PDB file of N, CA and C in Angstrom:
ATOM      1  N   VAL A   1       0.853  -1.214   0.118  1.00  0.00           N
ATOM      2  CA  VAL A   1       0.051  -0.252   0.272  1.00  0.00           C
ATOM      3  C   VAL A   1       1.179   1.528  -0.182  1.00  0.00           C
ATOM      4  N   GLN A   2       0.996   2.283  -1.068  1.00  0.00           N
ATOM      5  CA  GLN A   2       1.416   3.574  -0.938  1.00  0.00           C
ATOM      6  C   GLN A   2       0.380   4.416  -0.654  1.00  0.00           C
ATOM      7  N   LEU A   3       0.819   5.662  -0.073  1.00  0.00           N
ATOM      8  CA  LEU A   3      -0.074   6.656   0.178  1.00  0.00           C
ATOM      9  C   LEU A   3       0.914   8.005   0.173  1.00  0.00           C
ATOM     10  N   GLN A   4      -0.071   8.730  -0.770  1.00  0.00           N
ATOM     11  CA  GLN A   4       0.426  10.328  -0.929  1.00  0.00           C
ATOM     12  C   GLN A   4      -0.450  11.243  -0.854  1.00  0.00           C
ATOM     13  N   ALA A   5      -0.066  12.359   0.382  1.00  0.00           N
ATOM     14  CA  ALA A   5      -0.794  13.343   0.753  1.00  0.00           C
ATOM     15  C   ALA A   5      -0.379  14.459   0.243  1.00  0.00           C
ATOM     16  N   SER A   6      -1.598  15.172   0.210  1.00  0.00           N
ATOM     17  CA  SER A   6      -1.353  16.612  -0.536  1.00  0.00           C
ATOM     18  C   SER A   6      -2.780  17.442  -0.195  1.00  0.00           C
ATOM     19  N   GLY A   7      -2.347  19.007   0.005  1.00  0.00           N
ATOM     20  CA  GLY A   7      -3.355  19.925   0.226  1.00  0.00           C
ATOM     21  C   GLY A   7      -3.431  20.700   1.440  1.00  0.00           C
ATOM     22  N   GLY A   8      -1.870  20.709   1.770  1.00  0.00           N
ATOM     23  CA  GLY A   8      -1.517  21.406   3.079  1.00  0.00           C
ATOM     24  C   GLY A   8      -1.166  22.910   2.388  1.00  0.00           C
ATOM     25  N   GLY A   9      -1.328  23.750   3.557  1.00  0.00           N
ATOM     26  CA  GLY A   9      -0.692  25.019   3.097  1.00  0.00           C
ATOM     27  C   GLY A   9      -0.923  26.020   4.361  1.00  0.00           C
ATOM     28  N   LEU A  10      -1.135  27.266   4.236  1.00  0.00           N
ATOM     29  CA  LEU A  10      -1.059  28.551   4.937  1.00  0.00           C
ATOM     30  C   LEU A  10      -2.525  29.175   4.976  1.00  0.00           C
ATOM     31  N   VAL A  11      -2.864  29.404   5.838  1.00  0.00           N
ATOM     32  CA  VAL A  11      -4.491  29.786   6.126  1.00  0.00           C
ATOM     33  C   VAL A  11      -4.677  30.362   7.222  1.00  0.00           C
ATOM     34  N   GLN A  12      -5.833  31.541   7.231  1.00  0.00           N
ATOM     35  CA  GLN A  12      -5.576  32.346   8.205  1.00  0.00           C
ATOM     36  C   GLN A  12      -6.676  31.503   9.405  1.00  0.00           C
ATOM     37  N   ALA A  13      -6.746  31.536  10.834  1.00  0.00           N
ATOM     38  CA  ALA A  13      -7.892  31.086  11.467  1.00  0.00           C
ATOM     39  C   ALA A  13      -8.794  31.544  11.160  1.00  0.00           C
ATOM     40  N   GLY A  14      -9.900  30.325  11.440  1.00  0.00           N
ATOM     41  CA  GLY A  14     -11.168  30.561  10.892  1.00  0.00           C
ATOM     42  C   GLY A  14     -11.354  29.781   9.301  1.00  0.00           C
ATOM     43  N   GLY A  15     -10.289  29.803   9.057  1.00  0.00           N
ATOM     44  CA  GLY A  15     -10.505  29.239   7.396  1.00  0.00           C
ATOM     45  C   GLY A  15     -10.349  27.784   7.285  1.00  0.00           C
ATOM     46  N   SER A  16     -10.079  27.179   6.029  1.00  0.00           N
ATOM     47  CA  SER A  16     -10.496  25.931   5.757  1.00  0.00           C
ATOM     48  C   SER A  16      -9.784  25.507   4.949  1.00  0.00           C
ATOM     49  N   LEU A  17      -9.086  24.016   4.946  1.00  0.00           N
ATOM     50  CA  LEU A  17      -8.309  23.452   3.741  1.00  0.00           C
ATOM     51  C   LEU A  17      -8.890  21.923   3.694  1.00  0.00           C
ATOM     52  N   ARG A  18      -8.480  21.520   2.444  1.00  0.00           N
ATOM     53  CA  ARG A  18      -8.938  19.977   2.245  1.00  0.00           C
ATOM     54  C   ARG A  18      -7.607  19.741   2.040  1.00  0.00           C
ATOM     55  N   LEU A  19      -7.341  18.405   2.581  1.00  0.00           N
ATOM     56  CA  LEU A  19      -6.209  17.273   2.272  1.00  0.00           C
ATOM     57  C   LEU A  19      -6.955  16.226   1.802  1.00  0.00           C
ATOM     58  N   SER A  20      -5.749  15.571   0.774  1.00  0.00           N
ATOM     59  CA  SER A  20      -6.400  14.614   0.216  1.00  0.00           C
ATOM     60  C   SER A  20      -5.132  13.548   0.333  1.00  0.00           C
ATOM     61  N   CYS A  21      -5.727  12.392   0.073  1.00  0.00           N
ATOM     62  CA  CYS A  21      -4.474  11.165   0.737  1.00  0.00           C
ATOM     63  C   CYS A  21      -4.796  10.005  -0.661  1.00  0.00           C
ATOM     64  N   VAL A  22      -4.237  10.169  -1.748  1.00  0.00           N
ATOM     65  CA  VAL A  22      -4.553   8.653  -2.746  1.00  0.00           C
ATOM     66  C   VAL A  22      -3.809   7.726  -2.224  1.00  0.00           C
ATOM     67  N   VAL A  23      -4.610   6.638  -2.155  1.00  0.00           N
ATOM     68  CA  VAL A  23      -4.032   5.362  -1.520  1.00  0.00           C
ATOM     69  C   VAL A  23      -4.009   4.541  -2.936  1.00  0.00           C
ATOM     70  N   SER A  24      -2.773   3.704  -3.011  1.00  0.00           N
ATOM     71  CA  SER A  24      -2.404   2.934  -4.266  1.00  0.00           C
ATOM     72  C   SER A  24      -2.637   1.442  -3.518  1.00  0.00           C
ATOM     73  N   ASP A  25      -2.620   0.425  -4.764  1.00  0.00           N
ATOM     74  CA  ASP A  25      -2.467  -1.175  -4.230  1.00  0.00           C
ATOM     75  C   ASP A  25      -3.257  -1.280  -3.046  1.00  0.00           C
ATOM     76  N   LEU A  26      -4.673  -0.715  -3.045  1.00  0.00           N
ATOM     77  CA  LEU A  26      -5.434  -1.079  -1.993  1.00  0.00           C
ATOM     78  C   LEU A  26      -6.177  -2.464  -1.963  1.00  0.00           C
ATOM     79  N   THR A  27      -5.592  -3.905  -2.242  1.00  0.00           N
ATOM     80  CA  THR A  27      -6.316  -4.623  -2.450  1.00  0.00           C
ATOM     81  C   THR A  27      -7.301  -5.624  -1.763  1.00  0.00           C
ATOM     82  N   PHE A  28      -7.145  -4.917  -0.500  1.00  0.00           N
ATOM     83  CA  PHE A  28      -8.381  -5.816   0.441  1.00  0.00           C
ATOM     84  C   PHE A  28      -9.700  -4.100   0.889  1.00  0.00           C
ATOM     85  N   PRO A  29     -10.745  -4.883   1.041  1.00  0.00           N
ATOM     86  CA  PRO A  29     -11.542  -4.007   1.527  1.00  0.00           C
ATOM     87  C   PRO A  29     -11.608  -3.376   2.924  1.00  0.00           C
ATOM     88  N   MET A  30     -10.889  -3.950   3.613  1.00  0.00           N
ATOM     89  CA  MET A  30     -11.445  -3.983   5.104  1.00  0.00           C
ATOM     90  C   MET A  30      -9.665  -3.375   5.409  1.00  0.00           C
ATOM     91  N   TYR A  31      -9.499  -2.048   5.371  1.00  0.00           N
ATOM     92  CA  TYR A  31      -8.882  -1.491   5.818  1.00  0.00           C
ATOM     93  C   TYR A  31      -9.332   0.172   6.508  1.00  0.00           C
ATOM     94  N   VAL A  32      -8.134   0.149   7.206  1.00  0.00           N
ATOM     95  CA  VAL A  32      -9.151   1.656   8.058  1.00  0.00           C
ATOM     96  C   VAL A  32      -7.598   2.510   7.419  1.00  0.00           C
ATOM     97  N   LEU A  33      -8.245   3.817   7.189  1.00  0.00           N
ATOM     98  CA  LEU A  33      -7.395   4.765   7.055  1.00  0.00           C
ATOM     99  C   LEU A  33      -7.532   5.694   7.979  1.00  0.00           C
ATOM    100  N   GLY A  34      -6.292   6.604   8.060  1.00  0.00           N
ATOM    101  CA  GLY A  34      -6.220   7.215   9.146  1.00  0.00           C
ATOM    102  C   GLY A  34      -5.337   8.812   9.040  1.00  0.00           C
ATOM    103  N   TRP A  35      -5.633   9.968   9.536  1.00  0.00           N
ATOM    104  CA  TRP A  35      -5.039  10.787   9.711  1.00  0.00           C
ATOM    105  C   TRP A  35      -4.277  10.996  11.023  1.00  0.00           C
ATOM    106  N   PHE A  36      -3.193  11.565  11.002  1.00  0.00           N
ATOM    107  CA  PHE A  36      -2.058  12.147  12.347  1.00  0.00           C
ATOM    108  C   PHE A  36      -1.730  13.479  11.715  1.00  0.00           C
ATOM    109  N   ARG A  37      -1.534  14.094  13.026  1.00  0.00           N
ATOM    110  CA  ARG A  37      -0.755  15.164  12.812  1.00  0.00           C
ATOM    111  C   ARG A  37       0.540  15.573  13.774  1.00  0.00           C
ATOM    112  N   GLN A  38       1.555  16.460  13.395  1.00  0.00           N
ATOM    113  CA  GLN A  38       2.966  16.372  14.509  1.00  0.00           C
ATOM    114  C   GLN A  38       3.071  17.639  14.749  1.00  0.00           C
ATOM    115  N   ALA A  39       3.004  18.495  15.651  1.00  0.00           N
ATOM    116  CA  ALA A  39       3.221  19.983  15.670  1.00  0.00           C
ATOM    117  C   ALA A  39       4.525  20.031  16.483  1.00  0.00           C
ATOM    118  N   PRO A  40       5.687  20.983  16.006  1.00  0.00           N
ATOM    119  CA  PRO A  40       6.953  20.929  16.631  1.00  0.00           C
ATOM    120  C   PRO A  40       6.922  20.542  18.021  1.00  0.00           C
ATOM    121  N   GLY A  41       7.760  19.809  18.545  1.00  0.00           N
ATOM    122  CA  GLY A  41       8.057  19.545  19.996  1.00  0.00           C
ATOM    123  C   GLY A  41       7.019  18.700  20.461  1.00  0.00           C
ATOM    124  N   LYS A  42       6.165  18.097  19.591  1.00  0.00           N
ATOM    125  CA  LYS A  42       5.027  17.418  20.511  1.00  0.00           C
ATOM    126  C   LYS A  42       5.091  16.287  19.690  1.00  0.00           C
ATOM    127  N   GLU A  43       4.747  15.017  20.540  1.00  0.00           N
ATOM    128  CA  GLU A  43       4.227  13.565  19.488  1.00  0.00           C
ATOM    129  C   GLU A  43       3.170  13.711  19.018  1.00  0.00           C
ATOM    130  N   ARG A  44       3.162  12.648  17.588  1.00  0.00           N
ATOM    131  CA  ARG A  44       2.195  12.739  16.868  1.00  0.00           C
ATOM    132  C   ARG A  44       1.354  11.931  17.117  1.00  0.00           C
ATOM    133  N   GLU A  45      -0.140  12.832  17.086  1.00  0.00           N
ATOM    134  CA  GLU A  45      -1.309  12.756  17.663  1.00  0.00           C
ATOM    135  C   GLU A  45      -2.341  11.965  16.699  1.00  0.00           C
ATOM    136  N   PHE A  46      -3.478  11.256  17.059  1.00  0.00           N
ATOM    137  CA  PHE A  46      -4.549  11.096  15.988  1.00  0.00           C
ATOM    138  C   PHE A  46      -5.636  12.331  15.763  1.00  0.00           C
ATOM    139  N   VAL A  47      -6.213  12.440  14.616  1.00  0.00           N
ATOM    140  CA  VAL A  47      -6.977  13.219  14.084  1.00  0.00           C
ATOM    141  C   VAL A  47      -8.159  12.496  14.123  1.00  0.00           C
ATOM    142  N   ALA A  48      -8.443  11.716  13.026  1.00  0.00           N
ATOM    143  CA  ALA A  48      -9.303  11.075  12.066  1.00  0.00           C
ATOM    144  C   ALA A  48      -8.863   9.426  11.761  1.00  0.00           C
ATOM    145  N   ALA A  49     -10.042   8.993  11.422  1.00  0.00           N
ATOM    146  CA  ALA A  49     -10.035   7.704  10.855  1.00  0.00           C
ATOM    147  C   ALA A  49     -11.470   7.400  10.227  1.00  0.00           C
ATOM    148  N   ILE A  50     -11.352   6.482   9.220  1.00  0.00           N
ATOM    149  CA  ILE A  50     -12.470   6.146   8.318  1.00  0.00           C
ATOM    150  C   ILE A  50     -12.431   4.511   8.082  1.00  0.00           C
ATOM    151  N   LEU A  51     -13.342   3.663   8.198  1.00  0.00           N
ATOM    152  CA  LEU A  51     -12.968   2.224   7.809  1.00  0.00           C
ATOM    153  C   LEU A  51     -13.448   2.590   6.271  1.00  0.00           C
ATOM    154  N   TRP A  52     -12.797   1.970   5.141  1.00  0.00           N
ATOM    155  CA  TRP A  52     -12.567   1.810   3.900  1.00  0.00           C
ATOM    156  C   TRP A  52     -14.081   1.462   3.535  1.00  0.00           C
ATOM    157  N   ASN A  53     -14.251   0.111   3.837  1.00  0.00           N
ATOM    158  CA  ASN A  53     -15.459  -0.367   3.612  1.00  0.00           C
ATOM    159  C   ASN A  53     -16.619   0.078   3.554  1.00  0.00           C
ATOM    160  N   SER A  54     -16.976   0.907   5.054  1.00  0.00           N
ATOM    161  CA  SER A  54     -17.958   1.106   5.713  1.00  0.00           C
ATOM    162  C   SER A  54     -18.333   2.502   5.408  1.00  0.00           C
ATOM    163  N   GLY A  55     -17.579   3.386   5.480  1.00  0.00           N
ATOM    164  CA  GLY A  55     -17.350   4.444   5.687  1.00  0.00           C
ATOM    165  C   GLY A  55     -17.586   5.140   6.864  1.00  0.00           C
ATOM    166  N   MET A  56     -17.551   4.203   8.146  1.00  0.00           N
ATOM    167  CA  MET A  56     -17.675   4.481   9.184  1.00  0.00           C
ATOM    168  C   MET A  56     -16.339   5.612   9.530  1.00  0.00           C
ATOM    169  N   THR A  57     -16.647   6.504  10.625  1.00  0.00           N
ATOM    170  CA  THR A  57     -15.396   7.608  10.828  1.00  0.00           C
ATOM    171  C   THR A  57     -15.280   7.674  12.347  1.00  0.00           C
ATOM    172  N   ASN A  58     -14.304   8.103  12.792  1.00  0.00           N
ATOM    173  CA  ASN A  58     -13.949   8.484  14.218  1.00  0.00           C
ATOM    174  C   ASN A  58     -13.322   9.553  14.562  1.00  0.00           C
ATOM    175  N   TYR A  59     -13.093  10.627  15.502  1.00  0.00           N
ATOM    176  CA  TYR A  59     -12.763  11.741  15.429  1.00  0.00           C
ATOM    177  C   TYR A  59     -11.708  11.638  16.833  1.00  0.00           C
ATOM    178  N   ALA A  60     -10.852  12.561  16.728  1.00  0.00           N
ATOM    179  CA  ALA A  60     -10.395  13.226  17.904  1.00  0.00           C
ATOM    180  C   ALA A  60     -11.450  14.227  18.449  1.00  0.00           C
ATOM    181  N   ASP A  61     -11.356  14.556  20.124  1.00  0.00           N
ATOM    182  CA  ASP A  61     -12.257  15.324  20.589  1.00  0.00           C
ATOM    183  C   ASP A  61     -11.766  16.724  20.036  1.00  0.00           C
ATOM    184  N   SER A  62     -10.530  17.090  19.935  1.00  0.00           N
ATOM    185  CA  SER A  62     -10.112  18.355  19.330  1.00  0.00           C
ATOM    186  C   SER A  62     -10.741  18.469  17.874  1.00  0.00           C
ATOM    187  N   VAL A  63     -10.954  17.995  17.243  1.00  0.00           N
ATOM    188  CA  VAL A  63     -11.356  18.304  15.947  1.00  0.00           C
ATOM    189  C   VAL A  63     -12.590  17.498  15.767  1.00  0.00           C
ATOM    190  N   LYS A  64     -13.627  17.193  16.483  1.00  0.00           N
ATOM    191  CA  LYS A  64     -14.896  16.866  16.578  1.00  0.00           C
ATOM    192  C   LYS A  64     -15.686  18.108  16.335  1.00  0.00           C
ATOM    193  N   GLY A  65     -16.326  18.183  14.824  1.00  0.00           N
ATOM    194  CA  GLY A  65     -17.477  19.104  14.386  1.00  0.00           C
ATOM    195  C   GLY A  65     -16.723  20.373  13.475  1.00  0.00           C
ATOM    196  N   ARG A  66     -15.330  19.927  13.398  1.00  0.00           N
ATOM    197  CA  ARG A  66     -14.644  21.170  12.525  1.00  0.00           C
ATOM    198  C   ARG A  66     -13.938  20.170  11.203  1.00  0.00           C
ATOM    199  N   PHE A  67     -13.553  19.155  11.626  1.00  0.00           N
ATOM    200  CA  PHE A  67     -13.274  18.161  10.607  1.00  0.00           C
ATOM    201  C   PHE A  67     -13.989  17.239  10.272  1.00  0.00           C
ATOM    202  N   THR A  68     -13.817  16.855   8.740  1.00  0.00           N
ATOM    203  CA  THR A  68     -14.372  15.649   8.243  1.00  0.00           C
ATOM    204  C   THR A  68     -13.599  14.723   7.638  1.00  0.00           C
ATOM    205  N   ILE A  69     -13.602  13.491   7.583  1.00  0.00           N
ATOM    206  CA  ILE A  69     -13.089  12.798   6.920  1.00  0.00           C
ATOM    207  C   ILE A  69     -13.927  11.769   6.005  1.00  0.00           C
ATOM    208  N   SER A  70     -13.726  11.883   4.809  1.00  0.00           N
ATOM    209  CA  SER A  70     -14.082  10.907   3.686  1.00  0.00           C
ATOM    210  C   SER A  70     -13.632   9.842   2.709  1.00  0.00           C
ATOM    211  N   ARG A  71     -14.230   9.146   1.815  1.00  0.00           N
ATOM    212  CA  ARG A  71     -13.378   8.453   1.122  1.00  0.00           C
ATOM    213  C   ARG A  71     -13.887   8.743  -0.357  1.00  0.00           C
ATOM    214  N   ASP A  72     -13.232   8.726  -1.421  1.00  0.00           N
ATOM    215  CA  ASP A  72     -13.801   8.360  -2.797  1.00  0.00           C
ATOM    216  C   ASP A  72     -13.472   6.827  -2.890  1.00  0.00           C
ATOM    217  N   PHE A  73     -14.101   5.958  -3.336  1.00  0.00           N
ATOM    218  CA  PHE A  73     -13.789   4.687  -4.140  1.00  0.00           C
ATOM    219  C   PHE A  73     -13.132   4.611  -5.460  1.00  0.00           C
ATOM    220  N   ALA A  74     -13.703   5.659  -6.231  1.00  0.00           N
ATOM    221  CA  ALA A  74     -13.367   5.898  -7.542  1.00  0.00           C
ATOM    222  C   ALA A  74     -11.888   6.173  -7.850  1.00  0.00           C
ATOM    223  N   LYS A  75     -11.790   7.077  -6.777  1.00  0.00           N
ATOM    224  CA  LYS A  75     -10.511   7.574  -6.647  1.00  0.00           C
ATOM    225  C   LYS A  75      -9.608   6.943  -5.783  1.00  0.00           C
ATOM    226  N   THR A  76     -10.124   6.346  -5.336  1.00  0.00           N
ATOM    227  CA  THR A  76      -9.220   5.559  -4.090  1.00  0.00           C
ATOM    228  C   THR A  76      -8.479   6.614  -3.076  1.00  0.00           C
ATOM    229  N   THR A  77      -9.348   7.335  -2.881  1.00  0.00           N
ATOM    230  CA  THR A  77      -8.659   8.697  -2.092  1.00  0.00           C
ATOM    231  C   THR A  77      -9.537   8.812  -0.742  1.00  0.00           C
ATOM    232  N   VAL A  78      -8.498   9.272  -0.030  1.00  0.00           N
ATOM    233  CA  VAL A  78      -9.080   9.971   1.461  1.00  0.00           C
ATOM    234  C   VAL A  78      -8.610  11.295   1.475  1.00  0.00           C
ATOM    235  N   TYR A  79     -10.149  12.026   2.035  1.00  0.00           N
ATOM    236  CA  TYR A  79      -9.971  13.350   2.245  1.00  0.00           C
ATOM    237  C   TYR A  79     -10.019  14.061   3.899  1.00  0.00           C
ATOM    238  N   LEU A  80      -9.745  14.819   3.727  1.00  0.00           N
ATOM    239  CA  LEU A  80      -9.409  15.656   5.282  1.00  0.00           C
ATOM    240  C   LEU A  80     -10.202  16.995   5.216  1.00  0.00           C
ATOM    241  N   GLN A  81     -11.634  17.163   5.137  1.00  0.00           N
ATOM    242  CA  GLN A  81     -11.983  18.765   5.313  1.00  0.00           C
ATOM    243  C   GLN A  81     -11.952  19.358   6.534  1.00  0.00           C
ATOM    244  N   MET A  82     -11.146  20.503   6.879  1.00  0.00           N
ATOM    245  CA  MET A  82     -10.707  20.927   8.000  1.00  0.00           C
ATOM    246  C   MET A  82     -11.300  22.416   7.928  1.00  0.00           C
ATOM    247  N   ASN A  83     -12.259  22.712   8.575  1.00  0.00           N
ATOM    248  CA  ASN A  83     -13.233  24.220   8.725  1.00  0.00           C
ATOM    249  C   ASN A  83     -12.847  24.415   9.928  1.00  0.00           C
ATOM    250  N   GLY A  84     -12.856  25.876  10.574  1.00  0.00           N
ATOM    251  CA  GLY A  84     -12.791  26.789  11.578  1.00  0.00           C
ATOM    252  C   GLY A  84     -11.334  26.058  12.112  1.00  0.00           C
ATOM    253  N   LEU A  85     -10.275  26.432  11.363  1.00  0.00           N
ATOM    254  CA  LEU A  85      -9.155  26.129  11.767  1.00  0.00           C
ATOM    255  C   LEU A  85      -8.713  27.083  12.836  1.00  0.00           C
ATOM    256  N   LYS A  86      -7.729  26.298  13.822  1.00  0.00           N
ATOM    257  CA  LYS A  86      -6.885  27.571  14.592  1.00  0.00           C
ATOM    258  C   LYS A  86      -5.777  27.070  14.206  1.00  0.00           C
ATOM    259  N   PRO A  87      -4.972  28.160  15.068  1.00  0.00           N
ATOM    260  CA  PRO A  87      -3.102  28.207  14.938  1.00  0.00           C
ATOM    261  C   PRO A  87      -3.057  26.862  15.903  1.00  0.00           C
ATOM    262  N   GLU A  88      -3.851  26.219  17.033  1.00  0.00           N
ATOM    263  CA  GLU A  88      -3.002  24.867  17.346  1.00  0.00           C
ATOM    264  C   GLU A  88      -3.757  23.915  16.755  1.00  0.00           C
ATOM    265  N   ASP A  89      -3.981  24.256  15.385  1.00  0.00           N
ATOM    266  CA  ASP A  89      -4.164  22.893  14.431  1.00  0.00           C
ATOM    267  C   ASP A  89      -2.946  22.920  13.299  1.00  0.00           C
ATOM    268  N   THR A  90      -2.200  23.965  13.561  1.00  0.00           N
ATOM    269  CA  THR A  90      -0.429  23.829  13.111  1.00  0.00           C
ATOM    270  C   THR A  90      -0.132  22.988  13.292  1.00  0.00           C
ATOM    271  N   ALA A  91       0.550  21.674  12.362  1.00  0.00           N
ATOM    272  CA  ALA A  91       1.084  21.041  12.410  1.00  0.00           C
ATOM    273  C   ALA A  91       1.741  20.136  10.625  1.00  0.00           C
ATOM    274  N   ILE A  92       2.157  18.903  10.822  1.00  0.00           N
ATOM    275  CA  ILE A  92       2.516  18.242   9.887  1.00  0.00           C
ATOM    276  C   ILE A  92       1.380  17.019   9.692  1.00  0.00           C
ATOM    277  N   TYR A  93       0.720  17.091   8.750  1.00  0.00           N
ATOM    278  CA  TYR A  93      -0.589  16.045   8.769  1.00  0.00           C
ATOM    279  C   TYR A  93       0.143  14.821   7.785  1.00  0.00           C
ATOM    280  N   SER A  94      -0.272  13.584   8.082  1.00  0.00           N
ATOM    281  CA  SER A  94      -0.038  12.477   7.334  1.00  0.00           C
ATOM    282  C   SER A  94      -0.859  11.563   7.495  1.00  0.00           C
ATOM    283  N   CYS A  95      -1.074  10.851   6.161  1.00  0.00           N
ATOM    284  CA  CYS A  95      -2.029  10.005   6.275  1.00  0.00           C
ATOM    285  C   CYS A  95      -1.416   8.432   6.594  1.00  0.00           C
ATOM    286  N   ALA A  96      -2.230   7.480   6.796  1.00  0.00           N
ATOM    287  CA  ALA A  96      -2.006   6.184   7.409  1.00  0.00           C
ATOM    288  C   ALA A  96      -2.970   5.020   6.742  1.00  0.00           C
ATOM    289  N   ALA A  97      -2.596   3.816   6.806  1.00  0.00           N
ATOM    290  CA  ALA A  97      -3.069   3.033   6.610  1.00  0.00           C
ATOM    291  C   ALA A  97      -2.738   1.676   7.395  1.00  0.00           C
ATOM    292  N   ARG A  98      -3.815   0.593   7.409  1.00  0.00           N
ATOM    293  CA  ARG A  98      -3.493  -0.780   8.150  1.00  0.00           C
ATOM    294  C   ARG A  98      -4.846  -1.370   7.745  1.00  0.00           C
ATOM    295  N   TYR A  99      -4.358  -2.760   8.079  1.00  0.00           N
ATOM    296  CA  TYR A  99      -5.834  -3.987   7.211  1.00  0.00           C
ATOM    297  C   TYR A  99      -6.155  -3.476   8.888  1.00  0.00           C
ATOM    298  N   GLY A 100      -7.736  -3.839   8.783  1.00  0.00           N
ATOM    299  CA  GLY A 100      -8.639  -4.128   9.742  1.00  0.00           C
ATOM    300  C   GLY A 100      -9.852  -3.315   9.580  1.00  0.00           C
ATOM    301  N   SER A 101     -10.524  -3.767  10.713  1.00  0.00           N
ATOM    302  CA  SER A 101     -11.999  -3.063  11.052  1.00  0.00           C
ATOM    303  C   SER A 101     -12.231  -2.303  12.086  1.00  0.00           C
ATOM    304  N   TYR A 102     -11.208  -1.500  12.624  1.00  0.00           N
ATOM    305  CA  TYR A 102     -11.776  -0.850  13.672  1.00  0.00           C
ATOM    306  C   TYR A 102     -10.731   0.541  13.926  1.00  0.00           C
ATOM    307  N   TYR A 103     -11.096   1.292  14.643  1.00  0.00           N
ATOM    308  CA  TYR A 103     -10.708   2.705  14.560  1.00  0.00           C
ATOM    309  C   TYR A 103      -9.605   2.685  15.346  1.00  0.00           C
ATOM    310  N   PHE A 104      -8.563   2.124  14.525  1.00  0.00           N
ATOM    311  CA  PHE A 104      -7.191   2.204  15.491  1.00  0.00           C
ATOM    312  C   PHE A 104      -6.915   3.925  15.755  1.00  0.00           C
ATOM    313  N   THR A 105      -6.106   4.165  16.570  1.00  0.00           N
ATOM    314  CA  THR A 105      -5.903   5.867  17.156  1.00  0.00           C
ATOM    315  C   THR A 105      -4.468   5.857  17.537  1.00  0.00           C
ATOM    316  N   GLY A 106      -3.902   4.761  17.783  1.00  0.00           N
ATOM    317  CA  GLY A 106      -2.296   4.683  17.713  1.00  0.00           C
ATOM    318  C   GLY A 106      -1.367   5.037  16.556  1.00  0.00           C
ATOM    319  N   ALA A 107      -0.440   5.752  16.615  1.00  0.00           N
ATOM    320  CA  ALA A 107       0.385   5.571  15.306  1.00  0.00           C
ATOM    321  C   ALA A 107       1.041   4.421  14.990  1.00  0.00           C
ATOM    322  N   VAL A 108       1.189   3.933  15.979  1.00  0.00           N
ATOM    323  CA  VAL A 108       2.153   2.613  16.139  1.00  0.00           C
ATOM    324  C   VAL A 108       1.271   1.539  15.507  1.00  0.00           C
ATOM    325  N   GLU A 109       0.193   1.508  15.503  1.00  0.00           N
ATOM    326  CA  GLU A 109      -0.604   0.603  15.028  1.00  0.00           C
ATOM    327  C   GLU A 109      -0.966   0.528  13.601  1.00  0.00           C
ATOM    328  N   TYR A 110      -0.341   1.556  12.905  1.00  0.00           N
ATOM    329  CA  TYR A 110      -0.384   1.742  11.386  1.00  0.00           C
ATOM    330  C   TYR A 110       0.753   1.199  10.748  1.00  0.00           C
ATOM    331  N   ASP A 111       0.543   0.695   9.753  1.00  0.00           N
ATOM    332  CA  ASP A 111       1.640  -0.001   8.813  1.00  0.00           C
ATOM    333  C   ASP A 111       2.453   0.701   7.577  1.00  0.00           C
ATOM    334  N   TYR A 112       1.431   1.539   7.269  1.00  0.00           N
ATOM    335  CA  TYR A 112       1.588   2.225   5.784  1.00  0.00           C
ATOM    336  C   TYR A 112       1.411   3.560   6.086  1.00  0.00           C
ATOM    337  N   TRP A 113       2.556   4.238   5.693  1.00  0.00           N
ATOM    338  CA  TRP A 113       2.453   5.736   5.907  1.00  0.00           C
ATOM    339  C   TRP A 113       2.801   6.629   4.605  1.00  0.00           C
ATOM    340  N   GLY A 114       2.032   7.922   4.335  1.00  0.00           N
ATOM    341  CA  GLY A 114       2.549   8.833   3.363  1.00  0.00           C
ATOM    342  C   GLY A 114       3.650  10.033   3.806  1.00  0.00           C
ATOM    343  N   GLN A 115       3.920  10.579   2.974  1.00  0.00           N
ATOM    344  CA  GLN A 115       4.540  11.452   3.440  1.00  0.00           C
ATOM    345  C   GLN A 115       3.850  12.882   4.124  1.00  0.00           C
ATOM    346  N   GLY A 116       4.226  13.632   4.896  1.00  0.00           N
ATOM    347  CA  GLY A 116       3.418  14.640   5.798  1.00  0.00           C
ATOM    348  C   GLY A 116       3.488  16.145   4.783  1.00  0.00           C
ATOM    349  N   THR A 117       2.304  16.712   4.904  1.00  0.00           N
ATOM    350  CA  THR A 117       1.901  17.476   4.364  1.00  0.00           C
ATOM    351  C   THR A 117       1.745  18.986   5.469  1.00  0.00           C
ATOM    352  N   GLN A 118       2.478  20.147   5.149  1.00  0.00           N
ATOM    353  CA  GLN A 118       2.412  21.153   6.149  1.00  0.00           C
ATOM    354  C   GLN A 118       1.110  22.162   6.201  1.00  0.00           C
ATOM    355  N   VAL A 119       0.305  22.196   7.196  1.00  0.00           N
ATOM    356  CA  VAL A 119      -0.646  23.033   7.600  1.00  0.00           C
ATOM    357  C   VAL A 119      -0.123  24.051   8.640  1.00  0.00           C
ATOM    358  N   THR A 120      -0.217  25.367   8.128  1.00  0.00           N
ATOM    359  CA  THR A 120      -0.164  26.263   9.143  1.00  0.00           C
ATOM    360  C   THR A 120      -1.017  27.398   9.054  1.00  0.00           C
ATOM    361  N   VAL A 121      -1.588  27.671  10.358  1.00  0.00           N
ATOM    362  CA  VAL A 121      -2.833  28.363  10.474  1.00  0.00           C
ATOM    363  C   VAL A 121      -2.247  30.012  11.340  1.00  0.00           C
ATOM    364  N   SER A 122      -2.313  30.787  10.666  1.00  0.00           N
ATOM    365  CA  SER A 122      -2.195  32.145  11.538  1.00  0.00           C
ATOM    366  C   SER A 122      -3.022  32.561  12.417  1.00  0.00           C
ATOM    367  N   SER A 123      -2.888  33.515  13.463  1.00  0.00           N
ATOM    368  CA  SER A 123      -3.557  34.076  13.870  1.00  0.00           C
ATOM    369  C   SER A 123      -4.043  35.714  13.675  1.00  0.00           C
TER     370      SER A 123
END
């Protein structure tokens, strides 16, 4: 499985961005796709996850109601729509995948990672 993330950038507080993660070689339907982020000096943290087959989702409390994770079967792409961005959302965002049918929230539980994309929110 290969993942390619894109869509980061610089945005003012209150603005929006949409991140994309193209997934290649997804041969089985039972995969979990997740978004994680890592701010300078902080540990990588879970943001959101989606079950590829069912589309069911899970979010970190810090982004609930502001971020939406979704997937497009035809494009084998996972999206992270981020609205109401705050300066504390500034981080490198990475997408990850693993085989399974549960919302794994630990970074160590994911087997495949894409490169990160920088999101910077100015106040």
